[in-house]
Each structure stands twice: as structure tokens, then as C-alpha cells.
Amino acid sequence: MKTTIDIPESVLAEAIRHTRARTKREAILTAVERFNKLKRLEALNRRIRGRFKDFMTQADLAAMREDARHTEDP
């Protein structure tokens, strides 16, 4: 779909630099695709947040790492 929009040069130049795009079109397309992916991941995160009870907590992970560190020492 062709669309005419006015994007400030500094914003577009930054998008090109971050996306490492070769063309303006590629930079815009990459930016929009990444934005859409981010929004889909955010929606997924909202849907599944708090549903997994068996995952380890941060405290469990820290304890596991501490145990592993002590078992590696001679």
C-alpha cells in the first residue's frame, strides 16, 4: 500500500541507523514489523501472566546458583 507521510529527517535517520536498513522503505518496514511484534508479545504476556505456578522464583534461582557455586569449588 502506498502512503505519503511526513517523517522528520532526524527521526528517519535514527530509524535507518538502528535498523541498519539500506533504504528508507526498509527502515520503515522493519520498524513497523518490530513494533507489531512487540505489541503481540505484550498482549501474550498480559494473557499468560500469573498462570504458571511451577516456575522457579528469583529466590529459587539464586539458591540454585549458590548451590552450584559451592559444588564446583574443590
Foldseek 3Di string as FASTA:
>chain_A
DDDDDDDDPVVLVVLCVVVVDPDSVVSVVVVVVVVVVVVVVVVVCVVCPPVDPPDDDPVRVVVVVVVVVVVPDD
